[in-house]
Amino acid sequence: MQNLKELVEYSKTLNILFIEDNSDVREQLNKLFKNFFSHIDISFNGYEALQEYKNFRVKNNRFYDLIITDISMPKLDGIELCKEIFKINKEQKVMIISAHTEKEKLMQLNEIGINHILQKPVEHTSLISTLSSLISSIKESK
């Protein structure tokens, strides 16, 4: 694995979509994400996020590098959002940040190919470790 400084430098070139319906959590996590990413689009629910995802693709002729989403959201939950995104782009990198610990929901995420799941409240070292792993993976795949 590359050193953290290198990864942070590389992460500044990435585009992410962050979806969180709780304004306090969204604000707190967005501050943290700004240490890594220069371009962060934010959505407040799954339906809005799916539209944003499609619009980004049309406008930029490429996909977001990373999606970070909650599970429980209005209009379209995080699991359904991910299913819809994977219909468009099977290779999309996704990280889930959720208060859910229900085995059924976690199994659904695993079944659709998501294995980067962080528990709320987010522990700083777990977040850094997961982001580092995802950023390395994105860098290697480009």
N, C-alpha and C. Protein backbone atom coordinates (compact mmCIF):
# COMPACT_ATOMS: atom_id res chain seq x y z
N MET A 1 0.84 -1.19 0.00
CA MET A 1 0.00 0.00 0.00
C MET A 1 0.89 1.24 0.00
N GLN A 2 0.41 2.27 -0.70
CA GLN A 2 1.16 3.51 -0.79
C GLN A 2 1.01 4.32 0.50
N ASN A 3 1.91 5.28 0.68
CA ASN A 3 1.81 6.06 1.90
C ASN A 3 0.61 7.00 1.84
N LEU A 4 0.16 7.40 3.01
CA LEU A 4 -1.06 8.20 3.14
C LEU A 4 -0.95 9.53 2.40
N LYS A 5 0.20 10.16 2.46
CA LYS A 5 0.39 11.45 1.80
C LYS A 5 0.16 11.32 0.28
N GLU A 6 0.73 10.27 -0.30
CA GLU A 6 0.55 10.00 -1.74
C GLU A 6 -0.92 9.77 -2.08
N LEU A 7 -1.59 9.00 -1.23
CA LEU A 7 -3.01 8.70 -1.47
C LEU A 7 -3.87 9.95 -1.36
N VAL A 8 -3.60 10.78 -0.38
CA VAL A 8 -4.37 12.02 -0.23
C VAL A 8 -4.14 12.93 -1.43
N GLU A 9 -2.92 12.99 -1.89
CA GLU A 9 -2.61 13.79 -3.08
C GLU A 9 -3.41 13.27 -4.29
N TYR A 10 -3.41 11.97 -4.46
CA TYR A 10 -4.16 11.37 -5.56
C TYR A 10 -5.66 11.58 -5.38
N SER A 11 -6.15 11.44 -4.15
CA SER A 11 -7.59 11.54 -3.88
C SER A 11 -8.16 12.91 -4.26
N LYS A 12 -7.31 13.93 -4.26
CA LYS A 12 -7.77 15.28 -4.63
C LYS A 12 -8.22 15.35 -6.09
N THR A 13 -7.84 14.37 -6.89
CA THR A 13 -8.23 14.34 -8.31
C THR A 13 -9.55 13.59 -8.53
N LEU A 14 -10.08 12.98 -7.48
CA LEU A 14 -11.26 12.14 -7.60
C LEU A 14 -12.55 12.92 -7.41
N ASN A 15 -13.61 12.41 -8.01
CA ASN A 15 -14.95 12.98 -7.86
C ASN A 15 -15.81 12.01 -7.07
N ILE A 16 -16.47 12.53 -6.02
CA ILE A 16 -17.32 11.65 -5.23
C ILE A 16 -18.74 12.21 -5.12
N LEU A 17 -19.66 11.29 -4.90
CA LEU A 17 -21.04 11.62 -4.61
C LEU A 17 -21.31 11.12 -3.20
N PHE A 18 -21.73 12.02 -2.33
CA PHE A 18 -21.97 11.71 -0.93
C PHE A 18 -23.46 11.90 -0.66
N ILE A 19 -24.11 10.85 -0.14
CA ILE A 19 -25.55 10.89 0.10
C ILE A 19 -25.82 10.63 1.58
N GLU A 20 -26.44 11.61 2.22
CA GLU A 20 -26.77 11.50 3.65
C GLU A 20 -27.96 12.42 3.92
N ASP A 21 -29.01 11.88 4.53
CA ASP A 21 -30.21 12.68 4.78
C ASP A 21 -30.16 13.45 6.09
N ASN A 22 -29.32 13.04 7.03
CA ASN A 22 -29.22 13.75 8.32
C ASN A 22 -28.24 14.91 8.17
N SER A 23 -28.74 16.13 8.35
CA SER A 23 -27.92 17.32 8.09
C SER A 23 -26.70 17.41 9.00
N ASP A 24 -26.84 17.04 10.28
CA ASP A 24 -25.69 17.11 11.20
C ASP A 24 -24.59 16.13 10.79
N VAL A 25 -24.99 14.90 10.50
CA VAL A 25 -24.03 13.88 10.08
C VAL A 25 -23.40 14.28 8.75
N ARG A 26 -24.24 14.77 7.83
CA ARG A 26 -23.75 15.18 6.50
C ARG A 26 -22.69 16.27 6.64
N GLU A 27 -22.96 17.25 7.46
CA GLU A 27 -22.01 18.36 7.65
C GLU A 27 -20.70 17.87 8.26
N GLN A 28 -20.81 17.04 9.28
CA GLN A 28 -19.62 16.53 9.98
C GLN A 28 -18.75 15.68 9.04
N LEU A 29 -19.38 14.75 8.32
CA LEU A 29 -18.61 13.88 7.43
C LEU A 29 -18.07 14.64 6.23
N ASN A 30 -18.83 15.60 5.73
CA ASN A 30 -18.36 16.39 4.59
C ASN A 30 -17.07 17.14 4.95
N LYS A 31 -16.99 17.65 6.17
CA LYS A 31 -15.76 18.32 6.62
C LYS A 31 -14.58 17.37 6.57
N LEU A 32 -14.80 16.15 7.02
CA LEU A 32 -13.74 15.13 6.97
C LEU A 32 -13.35 14.79 5.53
N PHE A 33 -14.36 14.60 4.68
CA PHE A 33 -14.10 14.23 3.28
C PHE A 33 -13.34 15.31 2.53
N LYS A 34 -13.53 16.56 2.91
CA LYS A 34 -12.83 17.66 2.24
C LYS A 34 -11.31 17.57 2.43
N ASN A 35 -10.86 16.82 3.44
CA ASN A 35 -9.43 16.58 3.62
C ASN A 35 -8.88 15.67 2.53
N PHE A 36 -9.76 14.89 1.91
CA PHE A 36 -9.35 13.94 0.88
C PHE A 36 -9.73 14.37 -0.52
N PHE A 37 -10.94 14.90 -0.67
CA PHE A 37 -11.49 15.11 -2.00
C PHE A 37 -11.76 16.59 -2.28
N SER A 38 -11.44 17.03 -3.50
CA SER A 38 -11.70 18.41 -3.90
C SER A 38 -13.10 18.58 -4.48
N HIS A 39 -13.59 17.52 -5.12
CA HIS A 39 -14.90 17.60 -5.75
C HIS A 39 -15.87 16.64 -5.07
N ILE A 40 -16.81 17.20 -4.31
CA ILE A 40 -17.81 16.40 -3.60
C ILE A 40 -19.19 16.93 -3.96
N ASP A 41 -19.99 16.10 -4.63
CA ASP A 41 -21.38 16.44 -4.85
C ASP A 41 -22.17 15.79 -3.73
N ILE A 42 -23.18 16.52 -3.23
CA ILE A 42 -23.94 16.04 -2.09
C ILE A 42 -25.42 15.93 -2.47
N SER A 43 -26.01 14.80 -2.07
CA SER A 43 -27.44 14.59 -2.25
C SER A 43 -28.04 14.26 -0.89
N PHE A 44 -29.35 14.51 -0.78
CA PHE A 44 -30.03 14.37 0.51
C PHE A 44 -30.92 13.13 0.59
N ASN A 45 -31.16 12.50 -0.56
CA ASN A 45 -31.94 11.26 -0.57
C ASN A 45 -31.52 10.41 -1.76
N GLY A 46 -31.93 9.17 -1.76
CA GLY A 46 -31.50 8.24 -2.80
C GLY A 46 -31.99 8.59 -4.19
N TYR A 47 -33.21 9.07 -4.29
CA TYR A 47 -33.75 9.42 -5.61
C TYR A 47 -32.95 10.57 -6.23
N GLU A 48 -32.72 11.61 -5.43
CA GLU A 48 -31.93 12.76 -5.89
C GLU A 48 -30.52 12.31 -6.29
N ALA A 49 -29.95 11.41 -5.50
CA ALA A 49 -28.59 10.91 -5.78
C ALA A 49 -28.53 10.16 -7.11
N LEU A 50 -29.54 9.36 -7.39
CA LEU A 50 -29.57 8.61 -8.65
C LEU A 50 -29.64 9.58 -9.83
N GLN A 51 -30.43 10.63 -9.72
CA GLN A 51 -30.51 11.63 -10.78
C GLN A 51 -29.17 12.35 -10.94
N GLU A 52 -28.54 12.69 -9.82
CA GLU A 52 -27.23 13.33 -9.83
C GLU A 52 -26.19 12.43 -10.50
N TYR A 53 -26.25 11.15 -10.19
CA TYR A 53 -25.33 10.16 -10.76
C TYR A 53 -25.45 10.13 -12.28
N LYS A 54 -26.69 10.06 -12.76
CA LYS A 54 -26.94 10.02 -14.20
C LYS A 54 -26.51 11.32 -14.87
N ASN A 55 -26.82 12.45 -14.25
CA ASN A 55 -26.45 13.76 -14.81
C ASN A 55 -24.94 13.93 -14.88
N PHE A 56 -24.22 13.48 -13.86
CA PHE A 56 -22.76 13.56 -13.85
C PHE A 56 -22.19 12.79 -15.04
N ARG A 57 -22.74 11.61 -15.28
CA ARG A 57 -22.28 10.76 -16.38
C ARG A 57 -22.48 11.47 -17.73
N VAL A 58 -23.64 12.07 -17.92
CA VAL A 58 -23.95 12.76 -19.18
C VAL A 58 -23.04 13.98 -19.34
N LYS A 59 -22.91 14.75 -18.28
CA LYS A 59 -22.13 15.99 -18.33
C LYS A 59 -20.64 15.76 -18.49
N ASN A 60 -20.12 14.72 -17.87
CA ASN A 60 -18.66 14.51 -17.81
C ASN A 60 -18.17 13.32 -18.63
N ASN A 61 -19.09 12.56 -19.20
CA ASN A 61 -18.75 11.39 -19.99
C ASN A 61 -17.91 10.38 -19.19
N ARG A 62 -18.19 10.30 -17.91
CA ARG A 62 -17.55 9.32 -17.03
C ARG A 62 -18.36 9.22 -15.75
N PHE A 63 -18.01 8.27 -14.90
CA PHE A 63 -18.73 8.05 -13.65
C PHE A 63 -17.99 8.70 -12.49
N TYR A 64 -18.68 8.83 -11.38
CA TYR A 64 -18.02 9.24 -10.15
C TYR A 64 -16.97 8.19 -9.81
N ASP A 65 -15.90 8.62 -9.17
CA ASP A 65 -14.87 7.68 -8.73
C ASP A 65 -15.34 6.88 -7.52
N LEU A 66 -16.15 7.53 -6.68
CA LEU A 66 -16.59 6.88 -5.45
C LEU A 66 -17.96 7.42 -5.03
N ILE A 67 -18.80 6.50 -4.56
CA ILE A 67 -20.10 6.85 -3.98
C ILE A 67 -20.02 6.52 -2.49
N ILE A 68 -20.42 7.48 -1.65
CA ILE A 68 -20.49 7.25 -0.21
C ILE A 68 -21.93 7.51 0.20
N THR A 69 -22.59 6.49 0.73
CA THR A 69 -24.02 6.64 1.01
C THR A 69 -24.44 6.00 2.33
N ASP A 70 -25.52 6.52 2.84
CA ASP A 70 -26.21 5.97 3.99
C ASP A 70 -27.14 4.86 3.48
N ILE A 71 -27.71 4.07 4.37
CA ILE A 71 -28.70 3.07 3.96
C ILE A 71 -30.11 3.65 4.08
N SER A 72 -30.46 4.14 5.27
CA SER A 72 -31.82 4.63 5.50
C SER A 72 -31.96 6.07 5.05
N MET A 73 -32.72 6.23 3.95
CA MET A 73 -32.95 7.57 3.40
C MET A 73 -34.35 7.61 2.81
N PRO A 74 -34.91 8.80 2.70
CA PRO A 74 -36.23 8.90 2.07
C PRO A 74 -36.15 8.70 0.55
N LYS A 75 -37.28 8.37 -0.02
CA LYS A 75 -37.52 8.24 -1.45
C LYS A 75 -36.88 7.03 -2.10
N LEU A 76 -35.65 6.70 -1.74
CA LEU A 76 -34.96 5.52 -2.28
C LEU A 76 -33.84 5.21 -1.29
N ASP A 77 -33.91 4.03 -0.66
CA ASP A 77 -32.87 3.74 0.35
C ASP A 77 -31.53 3.41 -0.30
N GLY A 78 -30.50 3.33 0.51
CA GLY A 78 -29.14 3.13 0.01
C GLY A 78 -28.95 1.81 -0.72
N ILE A 79 -29.65 0.76 -0.29
CA ILE A 79 -29.51 -0.54 -0.94
C ILE A 79 -30.11 -0.47 -2.35
N GLU A 80 -31.31 0.08 -2.46
CA GLU A 80 -31.95 0.21 -3.78
C GLU A 80 -31.17 1.16 -4.68
N LEU A 81 -30.64 2.23 -4.10
CA LEU A 81 -29.80 3.17 -4.86
C LEU A 81 -28.61 2.43 -5.45
N CYS A 82 -27.93 1.64 -4.64
CA CYS A 82 -26.76 0.89 -5.13
C CYS A 82 -27.13 -0.09 -6.22
N LYS A 83 -28.27 -0.77 -6.07
CA LYS A 83 -28.72 -1.69 -7.11
C LYS A 83 -28.92 -0.96 -8.43
N GLU A 84 -29.53 0.22 -8.37
CA GLU A 84 -29.77 1.02 -9.58
C GLU A 84 -28.45 1.50 -10.19
N ILE A 85 -27.53 1.92 -9.34
CA ILE A 85 -26.22 2.37 -9.82
C ILE A 85 -25.46 1.22 -10.48
N PHE A 86 -25.51 0.03 -9.86
CA PHE A 86 -24.81 -1.12 -10.42
C PHE A 86 -25.41 -1.58 -11.75
N LYS A 87 -26.68 -1.27 -11.99
CA LYS A 87 -27.28 -1.56 -13.30
C LYS A 87 -26.63 -0.68 -14.37
N ILE A 88 -26.22 0.51 -13.97
CA ILE A 88 -25.59 1.47 -14.89
C ILE A 88 -24.09 1.20 -15.00
N ASN A 89 -23.45 0.92 -13.86
CA ASN A 89 -22.00 0.73 -13.81
C ASN A 89 -21.65 -0.33 -12.77
N LYS A 90 -21.40 -1.54 -13.24
CA LYS A 90 -21.10 -2.67 -12.34
C LYS A 90 -19.81 -2.48 -11.57
N GLU A 91 -18.92 -1.62 -12.07
CA GLU A 91 -17.61 -1.43 -11.46
C GLU A 91 -17.56 -0.28 -10.45
N GLN A 92 -18.69 0.36 -10.19
CA GLN A 92 -18.72 1.53 -9.31
C GLN A 92 -18.22 1.18 -7.91
N LYS A 93 -17.31 2.00 -7.38
CA LYS A 93 -16.82 1.83 -6.01
C LYS A 93 -17.81 2.53 -5.07
N VAL A 94 -18.21 1.81 -4.01
CA VAL A 94 -19.21 2.33 -3.07
C VAL A 94 -18.75 2.06 -1.65
N MET A 95 -18.98 3.05 -0.80
CA MET A 95 -18.76 2.88 0.64
C MET A 95 -20.07 3.23 1.34
N ILE A 96 -20.48 2.37 2.26
CA ILE A 96 -21.70 2.59 3.03
C ILE A 96 -21.31 3.07 4.43
N ILE A 97 -22.00 4.11 4.88
CA ILE A 97 -21.85 4.57 6.26
C ILE A 97 -23.25 4.54 6.84
N SER A 98 -23.47 3.67 7.84
CA SER A 98 -24.83 3.48 8.33
C SER A 98 -24.88 3.12 9.80
N ALA A 99 -25.99 3.45 10.41
CA ALA A 99 -26.24 3.05 11.79
C ALA A 99 -26.82 1.64 11.85
N HIS A 100 -27.20 1.09 10.70
CA HIS A 100 -27.81 -0.23 10.65
C HIS A 100 -26.82 -1.33 10.99
N THR A 101 -27.28 -2.24 11.82
CA THR A 101 -26.48 -3.41 12.13
C THR A 101 -27.27 -4.68 11.82
N GLU A 102 -28.47 -4.52 11.25
CA GLU A 102 -29.31 -5.67 10.94
C GLU A 102 -28.61 -6.59 9.95
N LYS A 103 -28.53 -7.87 10.31
CA LYS A 103 -27.85 -8.84 9.45
C LYS A 103 -28.46 -8.88 8.05
N GLU A 104 -29.78 -8.77 7.97
CA GLU A 104 -30.45 -8.85 6.67
C GLU A 104 -29.96 -7.75 5.72
N LYS A 105 -29.89 -6.53 6.24
CA LYS A 105 -29.42 -5.40 5.40
C LYS A 105 -27.96 -5.57 5.03
N LEU A 106 -27.14 -5.99 5.98
CA LEU A 106 -25.72 -6.19 5.72
C LEU A 106 -25.51 -7.32 4.71
N MET A 107 -26.33 -8.36 4.77
CA MET A 107 -26.24 -9.45 3.81
C MET A 107 -26.64 -8.97 2.41
N GLN A 108 -27.67 -8.13 2.34
CA GLN A 108 -28.09 -7.58 1.04
C GLN A 108 -26.95 -6.79 0.42
N LEU A 109 -26.28 -5.98 1.21
CA LEU A 109 -25.15 -5.18 0.71
C LEU A 109 -24.05 -6.10 0.20
N ASN A 110 -23.74 -7.12 0.97
CA ASN A 110 -22.72 -8.08 0.58
C ASN A 110 -23.09 -8.79 -0.72
N GLU A 111 -24.36 -9.15 -0.86
CA GLU A 111 -24.83 -9.85 -2.05
C GLU A 111 -24.69 -9.01 -3.32
N ILE A 112 -24.87 -7.71 -3.19
CA ILE A 112 -24.75 -6.87 -4.39
C ILE A 112 -23.31 -6.40 -4.62
N GLY A 113 -22.40 -6.81 -3.75
CA GLY A 113 -20.98 -6.55 -3.99
C GLY A 113 -20.38 -5.40 -3.20
N ILE A 114 -21.04 -4.98 -2.14
CA ILE A 114 -20.49 -3.89 -1.32
C ILE A 114 -19.91 -4.48 -0.05
N ASN A 115 -18.62 -4.25 0.15
CA ASN A 115 -17.99 -4.77 1.36
C ASN A 115 -17.25 -3.69 2.14
N HIS A 116 -17.43 -2.44 1.75
CA HIS A 116 -16.86 -1.31 2.50
C HIS A 116 -18.00 -0.65 3.27
N ILE A 117 -18.19 -1.11 4.51
CA ILE A 117 -19.31 -0.65 5.33
C ILE A 117 -18.76 -0.15 6.66
N LEU A 118 -19.09 1.09 6.99
CA LEU A 118 -18.68 1.66 8.27
C LEU A 118 -19.91 1.92 9.13
N GLN A 119 -19.76 1.70 10.41
CA GLN A 119 -20.82 1.88 11.38
C GLN A 119 -20.84 3.31 11.91
N LYS A 120 -22.03 3.90 12.02
CA LYS A 120 -22.18 5.21 12.67
C LYS A 120 -22.30 4.97 14.16
N PRO A 121 -21.76 5.81 15.01
CA PRO A 121 -20.90 6.94 14.65
C PRO A 121 -19.55 6.43 14.12
N VAL A 122 -19.06 7.12 13.13
CA VAL A 122 -17.86 6.69 12.42
C VAL A 122 -16.62 6.95 13.25
N GLU A 123 -15.82 5.90 13.41
CA GLU A 123 -14.54 6.04 14.10
C GLU A 123 -13.53 6.57 13.08
N HIS A 124 -12.80 7.58 13.47
CA HIS A 124 -11.88 8.28 12.56
C HIS A 124 -10.86 7.33 11.91
N THR A 125 -10.25 6.45 12.70
CA THR A 125 -9.22 5.56 12.14
C THR A 125 -9.82 4.56 11.15
N SER A 126 -11.04 4.09 11.42
CA SER A 126 -11.71 3.17 10.49
C SER A 126 -12.03 3.87 9.18
N LEU A 127 -12.46 5.13 9.28
CA LEU A 127 -12.76 5.90 8.08
C LEU A 127 -11.51 6.10 7.24
N ILE A 128 -10.41 6.49 7.87
CA ILE A 128 -9.14 6.71 7.15
C ILE A 128 -8.68 5.41 6.49
N SER A 129 -8.76 4.32 7.23
CA SER A 129 -8.34 3.03 6.71
C SER A 129 -9.19 2.60 5.51
N THR A 130 -10.49 2.74 5.63
CA THR A 130 -11.40 2.35 4.54
C THR A 130 -11.20 3.24 3.33
N LEU A 131 -11.11 4.55 3.54
CA LEU A 131 -10.88 5.47 2.43
C LEU A 131 -9.54 5.17 1.74
N SER A 132 -8.52 4.91 2.52
CA SER A 132 -7.20 4.60 1.95
C SER A 132 -7.28 3.36 1.07
N SER A 133 -7.98 2.35 1.55
CA SER A 133 -8.14 1.12 0.78
C SER A 133 -8.90 1.39 -0.53
N LEU A 134 -9.98 2.14 -0.45
CA LEU A 134 -10.76 2.45 -1.64
C LEU A 134 -9.98 3.31 -2.63
N ILE A 135 -9.28 4.31 -2.13
CA ILE A 135 -8.50 5.20 -3.00
C ILE A 135 -7.39 4.40 -3.71
N SER A 136 -6.73 3.52 -2.97
CA SER A 136 -5.70 2.65 -3.58
C SER A 136 -6.31 1.80 -4.69
N SER A 137 -7.46 1.24 -4.40
CA SER A 137 -8.15 0.39 -5.37
C SER A 137 -8.55 1.19 -6.63
N ILE A 138 -9.02 2.40 -6.44
CA ILE A 138 -9.40 3.27 -7.56
C ILE A 138 -8.16 3.59 -8.39
N LYS A 139 -7.08 3.93 -7.70
CA LYS A 139 -5.84 4.28 -8.40
C LYS A 139 -5.31 3.11 -9.22
N GLU A 140 -5.34 1.92 -8.65
CA GLU A 140 -4.86 0.72 -9.33
C GLU A 140 -5.72 0.37 -10.56
N SER A 141 -7.01 0.67 -10.48
CA SER A 141 -7.90 0.31 -11.59
C SER A 141 -7.87 1.30 -12.74
N LYS A 142 -7.20 2.45 -12.55
CA LYS A 142 -7.15 3.45 -13.63
C LYS A 142 -5.91 3.29 -14.47
